[in-house]
Amino acid sequence: MAKRQCKLILTSTTQSKLEEVRKNCLERSNGALTSDDILVLAYDISDYSKNDDAFKQIVEKFGDIDILACNAGKAS
């Protein structure tokens, strides 16, 4: 998606890994995206009490969401 110059929201529980992904996305966009085009949210998506706050941050930054690609999983 970075190659297609899409603004991105990256979520995971590990801030350092997210920063690595952000860097990789910036490189793959060939300069079309800036760090401001990629929002990094470090939180646990299975903690449902945090989802409303995350959504508010996303809408505040980008206005809306056009595509959602969810790759979250939970094992017990």
PDB file of N, CA and C in Angstrom:
ATOM      1  N   MET A   1       0.823  -1.191   0.000  1.00  0.00           N
ATOM      2  CA  MET A   1       0.000   0.000   0.000  1.00  0.00           C
ATOM      3  C   MET A   1       0.867   1.255   0.000  1.00  0.00           C
ATOM      4  N   ALA A   2       2.035   1.182   0.614  1.00  0.00           N
ATOM      5  CA  ALA A   2       2.947   2.324   0.599  1.00  0.00           C
ATOM      6  C   ALA A   2       3.416   2.613  -0.826  1.00  0.00           C
ATOM      7  N   LYS A   3       3.633   1.564  -1.607  1.00  0.00           N
ATOM      8  CA  LYS A   3       4.035   1.757  -3.004  1.00  0.00           C
ATOM      9  C   LYS A   3       2.957   2.493  -3.792  1.00  0.00           C
ATOM     10  N   ARG A   4       1.708   2.323  -3.378  1.00  0.00           N
ATOM     11  CA  ARG A   4       0.568   2.979  -4.026  1.00  0.00           C
ATOM     12  C   ARG A   4       0.285   4.358  -3.424  1.00  0.00           C
ATOM     13  N   GLN A   5       1.166   4.801  -2.536  1.00  0.00           N
ATOM     14  CA  GLN A   5       1.118   6.117  -1.911  1.00  0.00           C
ATOM     15  C   GLN A   5      -0.122   6.317  -1.030  1.00  0.00           C
ATOM     16  N   CYS A   6      -0.569   5.234  -0.392  1.00  0.00           N
ATOM     17  CA  CYS A   6      -1.695   5.307   0.538  1.00  0.00           C
ATOM     18  C   CYS A   6      -1.208   5.790   1.896  1.00  0.00           C
ATOM     19  N   LYS A   7      -1.965   6.667   2.506  1.00  0.00           N
ATOM     20  CA  LYS A   7      -1.677   7.024   3.889  1.00  0.00           C
ATOM     21  C   LYS A   7      -2.015   5.806   4.736  1.00  0.00           C
ATOM     22  N   LEU A   8      -1.233   5.571   5.778  1.00  0.00           N
ATOM     23  CA  LEU A   8      -1.335   4.326   6.524  1.00  0.00           C
ATOM     24  C   LEU A   8      -1.520   4.558   8.011  1.00  0.00           C
ATOM     25  N   ILE A   9      -2.245   3.641   8.641  1.00  0.00           N
ATOM     26  CA  ILE A   9      -2.343   3.555  10.091  1.00  0.00           C
ATOM     27  C   ILE A   9      -1.813   2.175  10.454  1.00  0.00           C
ATOM     28  N   LEU A  10      -0.762   2.146  11.245  1.00  0.00           N
ATOM     29  CA  LEU A  10      -0.143   0.887  11.657  1.00  0.00           C
ATOM     30  C   LEU A  10      -0.412   0.666  13.137  1.00  0.00           C
ATOM     31  N   THR A  11      -0.933  -0.503  13.484  1.00  0.00           N
ATOM     32  CA  THR A  11      -1.167  -0.824  14.890  1.00  0.00           C
ATOM     33  C   THR A  11      -0.518  -2.150  15.238  1.00  0.00           C
ATOM     34  N   SER A  12      -0.036  -2.216  16.444  1.00  0.00           N
ATOM     35  CA  SER A  12       0.554  -3.422  17.008  1.00  0.00           C
ATOM     36  C   SER A  12       0.842  -3.116  18.470  1.00  0.00           C
ATOM     37  N   THR A  13       1.279  -4.108  19.183  1.00  0.00           N
ATOM     38  CA  THR A  13       1.576  -3.878  20.599  1.00  0.00           C
ATOM     39  C   THR A  13       3.004  -3.399  20.829  1.00  0.00           C
ATOM     40  N   THR A  14       3.851  -3.462  19.822  1.00  0.00           N
ATOM     41  CA  THR A  14       5.266  -3.156  20.001  1.00  0.00           C
ATOM     42  C   THR A  14       5.660  -1.913  19.209  1.00  0.00           C
ATOM     43  N   GLN A  15       5.902  -0.819  19.910  1.00  0.00           N
ATOM     44  CA  GLN A  15       6.252   0.462  19.278  1.00  0.00           C
ATOM     45  C   GLN A  15       7.491   0.344  18.392  1.00  0.00           C
ATOM     46  N   SER A  16       8.524  -0.336  18.867  1.00  0.00           N
ATOM     47  CA  SER A  16       9.768  -0.419  18.091  1.00  0.00           C
ATOM     48  C   SER A  16       9.557  -1.143  16.759  1.00  0.00           C
ATOM     49  N   LYS A  17       8.757  -2.191  16.755  1.00  0.00           N
ATOM     50  CA  LYS A  17       8.471  -2.914  15.505  1.00  0.00           C
ATOM     51  C   LYS A  17       7.671  -2.034  14.553  1.00  0.00           C
ATOM     52  N   LEU A  18       6.735  -1.272  15.103  1.00  0.00           N
ATOM     53  CA  LEU A  18       5.941  -0.368  14.278  1.00  0.00           C
ATOM     54  C   LEU A  18       6.822   0.687  13.613  1.00  0.00           C
ATOM     55  N   GLU A  19       7.800   1.182  14.341  1.00  0.00           N
ATOM     56  CA  GLU A  19       8.704   2.181  13.775  1.00  0.00           C
ATOM     57  C   GLU A  19       9.533   1.568  12.638  1.00  0.00           C
ATOM     58  N   GLU A  20       9.903   0.306  12.773  1.00  0.00           N
ATOM     59  CA  GLU A  20      10.610  -0.387  11.695  1.00  0.00           C
ATOM     60  C   GLU A  20       9.728  -0.501  10.453  1.00  0.00           C
ATOM     61  N   VAL A  21       8.455  -0.840  10.662  1.00  0.00           N
ATOM     62  CA  VAL A  21       7.521  -0.961   9.544  1.00  0.00           C
ATOM     63  C   VAL A  21       7.304   0.405   8.893  1.00  0.00           C
ATOM     64  N   ARG A  22       7.173   1.450   9.725  1.00  0.00           N
ATOM     65  CA  ARG A  22       6.999   2.800   9.167  1.00  0.00           C
ATOM     66  C   ARG A  22       8.195   3.157   8.268  1.00  0.00           C
ATOM     67  N   LYS A  23       9.386   2.892   8.744  1.00  0.00           N
ATOM     68  CA  LYS A  23      10.594   3.188   7.975  1.00  0.00           C
ATOM     69  C   LYS A  23      10.588   2.429   6.651  1.00  0.00           C
ATOM     70  N   ASN A  24      10.229   1.155   6.712  1.00  0.00           N
ATOM     71  CA  ASN A  24      10.160   0.324   5.503  1.00  0.00           C
ATOM     72  C   ASN A  24       9.126   0.886   4.525  1.00  0.00           C
ATOM     73  N   CYS A  25       7.984   1.294   5.026  1.00  0.00           N
ATOM     74  CA  CYS A  25       6.929   1.853   4.166  1.00  0.00           C
ATOM     75  C   CYS A  25       7.399   3.146   3.505  1.00  0.00           C
ATOM     76  N   LEU A  26       8.077   3.991   4.263  1.00  0.00           N
ATOM     77  CA  LEU A  26       8.589   5.239   3.702  1.00  0.00           C
ATOM     78  C   LEU A  26       9.580   4.959   2.577  1.00  0.00           C
ATOM     79  N   GLU A  27      10.435   3.981   2.777  1.00  0.00           N
ATOM     80  CA  GLU A  27      11.396   3.605   1.736  1.00  0.00           C
ATOM     81  C   GLU A  27      10.688   3.080   0.500  1.00  0.00           C
ATOM     82  N   ARG A  28       9.680   2.264   0.684  1.00  0.00           N
ATOM     83  CA  ARG A  28       8.970   1.652  -0.444  1.00  0.00           C
ATOM     84  C   ARG A  28       8.110   2.650  -1.219  1.00  0.00           C
ATOM     85  N   SER A  29       7.776   3.770  -0.574  1.00  0.00           N
ATOM     86  CA  SER A  29       6.952   4.764  -1.261  1.00  0.00           C
ATOM     87  C   SER A  29       7.780   5.642  -2.197  1.00  0.00           C
ATOM     88  N   ASN A  30       9.114   5.445  -2.196  1.00  0.00           N
ATOM     89  CA  ASN A  30      10.017   6.213  -3.061  1.00  0.00           C
ATOM     90  C   ASN A  30       9.857   7.717  -2.886  1.00  0.00           C
ATOM     91  N   GLY A  31       9.688   8.148  -1.649  1.00  0.00           N
ATOM     92  CA  GLY A  31       9.604   9.574  -1.354  1.00  0.00           C
ATOM     93  C   GLY A  31       8.222  10.176  -1.479  1.00  0.00           C
ATOM     94  N   ALA A  32       7.234   9.385  -1.899  1.00  0.00           N
ATOM     95  CA  ALA A  32       5.880   9.916  -2.068  1.00  0.00           C
ATOM     96  C   ALA A  32       5.182  10.130  -0.723  1.00  0.00           C
ATOM     97  N   LEU A  33       5.541   9.334   0.290  1.00  0.00           N
ATOM     98  CA  LEU A  33       4.955   9.482   1.618  1.00  0.00           C
ATOM     99  C   LEU A  33       5.964  10.126   2.555  1.00  0.00           C
ATOM    100  N   THR A  34       5.440  10.868   3.513  1.00  0.00           N
ATOM    101  CA  THR A  34       6.282  11.416   4.577  1.00  0.00           C
ATOM    102  C   THR A  34       5.904  10.706   5.879  1.00  0.00           C
ATOM    103  N   SER A  35       6.688  10.909   6.892  1.00  0.00           N
ATOM    104  CA  SER A  35       6.408  10.302   8.190  1.00  0.00           C
ATOM    105  C   SER A  35       5.031  10.719   8.699  1.00  0.00           C
ATOM    106  N   ASP A  36       4.591  11.912   8.323  1.00  0.00           N
ATOM    107  CA  ASP A  36       3.277  12.405   8.740  1.00  0.00           C
ATOM    108  C   ASP A  36       2.130  11.660   8.063  1.00  0.00           C
ATOM    109  N   ASP A  37       2.409  10.952   6.979  1.00  0.00           N
ATOM    110  CA  ASP A  37       1.384  10.188   6.263  1.00  0.00           C
ATOM    111  C   ASP A  37       1.146   8.808   6.870  1.00  0.00           C
ATOM    112  N   ILE A  38       1.943   8.448   7.881  1.00  0.00           N
ATOM    113  CA  ILE A  38       1.829   7.129   8.511  1.00  0.00           C
ATOM    114  C   ILE A  38       1.630   7.311  10.011  1.00  0.00           C
ATOM    115  N   LEU A  39       0.454   6.958  10.483  1.00  0.00           N
ATOM    116  CA  LEU A  39       0.134   7.042  11.904  1.00  0.00           C
ATOM    117  C   LEU A  39       0.461   5.708  12.565  1.00  0.00           C
ATOM    118  N   VAL A  40       1.242   5.760  13.623  1.00  0.00           N
ATOM    119  CA  VAL A  40       1.624   4.573  14.380  1.00  0.00           C
ATOM    120  C   VAL A  40       0.875   4.581  15.708  1.00  0.00           C
ATOM    121  N   LEU A  41       0.107   3.535  15.962  1.00  0.00           N
ATOM    122  CA  LEU A  41      -0.634   3.391  17.215  1.00  0.00           C
ATOM    123  C   LEU A  41      -0.231   2.080  17.885  1.00  0.00           C
ATOM    124  N   ALA A  42       0.501   2.175  18.957  1.00  0.00           N
ATOM    125  CA  ALA A  42       0.913   0.982  19.692  1.00  0.00           C
ATOM    126  C   ALA A  42      -0.112   0.688  20.776  1.00  0.00           C
ATOM    127  N   TYR A  43      -0.918  -0.323  20.528  1.00  0.00           N
ATOM    128  CA  TYR A  43      -1.884  -0.777  21.527  1.00  0.00           C
ATOM    129  C   TYR A  43      -2.365  -2.177  21.147  1.00  0.00           C
ATOM    130  N   ASP A  44      -3.008  -2.834  22.086  1.00  0.00           N
ATOM    131  CA  ASP A  44      -3.519  -4.186  21.875  1.00  0.00           C
ATOM    132  C   ASP A  44      -4.953  -4.096  21.376  1.00  0.00           C
ATOM    133  N   ILE A  45      -5.168  -4.457  20.111  1.00  0.00           N
ATOM    134  CA  ILE A  45      -6.487  -4.340  19.492  1.00  0.00           C
ATOM    135  C   ILE A  45      -7.541  -5.215  20.189  1.00  0.00           C
ATOM    136  N   SER A  46      -7.101  -6.243  20.902  1.00  0.00           N
ATOM    137  CA  SER A  46      -8.072  -7.092  21.615  1.00  0.00           C
ATOM    138  C   SER A  46      -8.536  -6.446  22.921  1.00  0.00           C
ATOM    139  N   ASP A  47      -7.922  -5.335  23.319  1.00  0.00           N
ATOM    140  CA  ASP A  47      -8.393  -4.554  24.470  1.00  0.00           C
ATOM    141  C   ASP A  47      -9.443  -3.582  23.943  1.00  0.00           C
ATOM    142  N   TYR A  48     -10.671  -4.057  23.866  1.00  0.00           N
ATOM    143  CA  TYR A  48     -11.753  -3.324  23.211  1.00  0.00           C
ATOM    144  C   TYR A  48     -11.979  -1.930  23.784  1.00  0.00           C
ATOM    145  N   SER A  49     -11.602  -1.710  25.020  1.00  0.00           N
ATOM    146  CA  SER A  49     -11.794  -0.390  25.629  1.00  0.00           C
ATOM    147  C   SER A  49     -10.898   0.670  24.977  1.00  0.00           C
ATOM    148  N   LYS A  50      -9.867   0.253  24.253  1.00  0.00           N
ATOM    149  CA  LYS A  50      -8.941   1.189  23.599  1.00  0.00           C
ATOM    150  C   LYS A  50      -9.335   1.496  22.152  1.00  0.00           C
ATOM    151  N   ASN A  51     -10.225   0.705  21.569  1.00  0.00           N
ATOM    152  CA  ASN A  51     -10.544   0.865  20.155  1.00  0.00           C
ATOM    153  C   ASN A  51     -11.211   2.197  19.828  1.00  0.00           C
ATOM    154  N   ASP A  52     -12.098   2.676  20.674  1.00  0.00           N
ATOM    155  CA  ASP A  52     -12.747   3.968  20.414  1.00  0.00           C
ATOM    156  C   ASP A  52     -11.731   5.096  20.390  1.00  0.00           C
ATOM    157  N   ASP A  53     -10.801   5.092  21.334  1.00  0.00           N
ATOM    158  CA  ASP A  53      -9.763   6.128  21.362  1.00  0.00           C
ATOM    159  C   ASP A  53      -8.889   6.065  20.119  1.00  0.00           C
ATOM    160  N   ALA A  54      -8.540   4.863  19.691  1.00  0.00           N
ATOM    161  CA  ALA A  54      -7.719   4.699  18.489  1.00  0.00           C
ATOM    162  C   ALA A  54      -8.467   5.224  17.268  1.00  0.00           C
ATOM    163  N   PHE A  55      -9.742   4.885  17.161  1.00  0.00           N
ATOM    164  CA  PHE A  55     -10.545   5.352  16.021  1.00  0.00           C
ATOM    165  C   PHE A  55     -10.631   6.875  16.010  1.00  0.00           C
ATOM    166  N   LYS A  56     -10.810   7.482  17.168  1.00  0.00           N
ATOM    167  CA  LYS A  56     -10.866   8.945  17.251  1.00  0.00           C
ATOM    168  C   LYS A  56      -9.560   9.578  16.792  1.00  0.00           C
ATOM    169  N   GLN A  57      -8.432   8.984  17.166  1.00  0.00           N
ATOM    170  CA  GLN A  57      -7.129   9.503  16.722  1.00  0.00           C
ATOM    171  C   GLN A  57      -6.987   9.409  15.204  1.00  0.00           C
ATOM    172  N   ILE A  58      -7.451   8.308  14.645  1.00  0.00           N
ATOM    173  CA  ILE A  58      -7.365   8.098  13.202  1.00  0.00           C
ATOM    174  C   ILE A  58      -8.208   9.129  12.461  1.00  0.00           C
ATOM    175  N   VAL A  59      -9.447   9.293  12.885  1.00  0.00           N
ATOM    176  CA  VAL A  59     -10.352  10.239  12.229  1.00  0.00           C
ATOM    177  C   VAL A  59      -9.851  11.671  12.399  1.00  0.00           C
ATOM    178  N   GLU A  60      -9.302  11.976  13.564  1.00  0.00           N
ATOM    179  CA  GLU A  60      -8.760  13.312  13.793  1.00  0.00           C
ATOM    180  C   GLU A  60      -7.602  13.607  12.840  1.00  0.00           C
ATOM    181  N   LYS A  61      -6.773  12.612  12.585  1.00  0.00           N
ATOM    182  CA  LYS A  61      -5.598  12.814  11.730  1.00  0.00           C
ATOM    183  C   LYS A  61      -5.938  12.788  10.244  1.00  0.00           C
ATOM    184  N   PHE A  62      -6.724  11.791   9.811  1.00  0.00           N
ATOM    185  CA  PHE A  62      -6.946  11.577   8.387  1.00  0.00           C
ATOM    186  C   PHE A  62      -8.368  11.869   7.917  1.00  0.00           C
ATOM    187  N   GLY A  63      -9.305  12.048   8.821  1.00  0.00           N
ATOM    188  CA  GLY A  63     -10.671  12.377   8.422  1.00  0.00           C
ATOM    189  C   GLY A  63     -11.574  11.171   8.248  1.00  0.00           C
ATOM    190  N   ASP A  64     -11.092  10.124   7.620  1.00  0.00           N
ATOM    191  CA  ASP A  64     -11.894   8.923   7.436  1.00  0.00           C
ATOM    192  C   ASP A  64     -10.992   7.754   7.074  1.00  0.00           C
ATOM    193  N   ILE A  65     -11.610   6.592   6.928  1.00  0.00           N
ATOM    194  CA  ILE A  65     -10.887   5.379   6.545  1.00  0.00           C
ATOM    195  C   ILE A  65     -11.511   4.870   5.251  1.00  0.00           C
ATOM    196  N   ASP A  66     -10.699   4.697   4.213  1.00  0.00           N
ATOM    197  CA  ASP A  66     -11.196   4.184   2.947  1.00  0.00           C
ATOM    198  C   ASP A  66     -11.092   2.665   2.839  1.00  0.00           C
ATOM    199  N   ILE A  67      -9.988   2.117   3.354  1.00  0.00           N
ATOM    200  CA  ILE A  67      -9.742   0.678   3.272  1.00  0.00           C
ATOM    201  C   ILE A  67      -9.234   0.207   4.637  1.00  0.00           C
ATOM    202  N   LEU A  68      -9.752  -0.912   5.100  1.00  0.00           N
ATOM    203  CA  LEU A  68      -9.277  -1.507   6.340  1.00  0.00           C
ATOM    204  C   LEU A  68      -8.748  -2.904   6.027  1.00  0.00           C
ATOM    205  N   ALA A  69      -7.486  -3.115   6.308  1.00  0.00           N
ATOM    206  CA  ALA A  69      -6.877  -4.433   6.145  1.00  0.00           C
ATOM    207  C   ALA A  69      -6.487  -4.903   7.534  1.00  0.00           C
ATOM    208  N   CYS A  70      -7.234  -5.836   8.058  1.00  0.00           N
ATOM    209  CA  CYS A  70      -7.014  -6.306   9.424  1.00  0.00           C
ATOM    210  C   CYS A  70      -6.347  -7.680   9.391  1.00  0.00           C
ATOM    211  N   ASN A  71      -5.240  -7.772  10.099  1.00  0.00           N
ATOM    212  CA  ASN A  71      -4.516  -9.024  10.165  1.00  0.00           C
ATOM    213  C   ASN A  71      -4.293  -9.406  11.633  1.00  0.00           C
ATOM    214  N   ALA A  72      -5.278  -9.115  12.452  1.00  0.00           N
ATOM    215  CA  ALA A  72      -5.164  -9.397  13.881  1.00  0.00           C
ATOM    216  C   ALA A  72      -5.657 -10.819  14.147  1.00  0.00           C
ATOM    217  N   GLY A  73      -5.032 -11.442  15.106  1.00  0.00           N
ATOM    218  CA  GLY A  73      -5.450 -12.772  15.492  1.00  0.00           C
ATOM    219  C   GLY A  73      -5.258 -12.965  16.984  1.00  0.00           C
ATOM    220  N   LYS A  74      -5.963 -13.902  17.525  1.00  0.00           N
ATOM    221  CA  LYS A  74      -5.849 -14.183  18.953  1.00  0.00           C
ATOM    222  C   LYS A  74      -5.849 -15.694  19.138  1.00  0.00           C
ATOM    223  N   ALA A  75      -4.876 -16.168  19.863  1.00  0.00           N
ATOM    224  CA  ALA A  75      -4.798 -17.592  20.148  1.00  0.00           C
ATOM    225  C   ALA A  75      -5.022 -17.798  21.648  1.00  0.00           C
ATOM    226  N   SER A  76      -5.652 -18.882  21.965  1.00  0.00           N
ATOM    227  CA  SER A  76      -5.870 -19.149  23.398  1.00  0.00           C
ATOM    228  C   SER A  76      -5.155 -20.388  23.839  1.00  0.00           C
TER     229      SER A  76
END
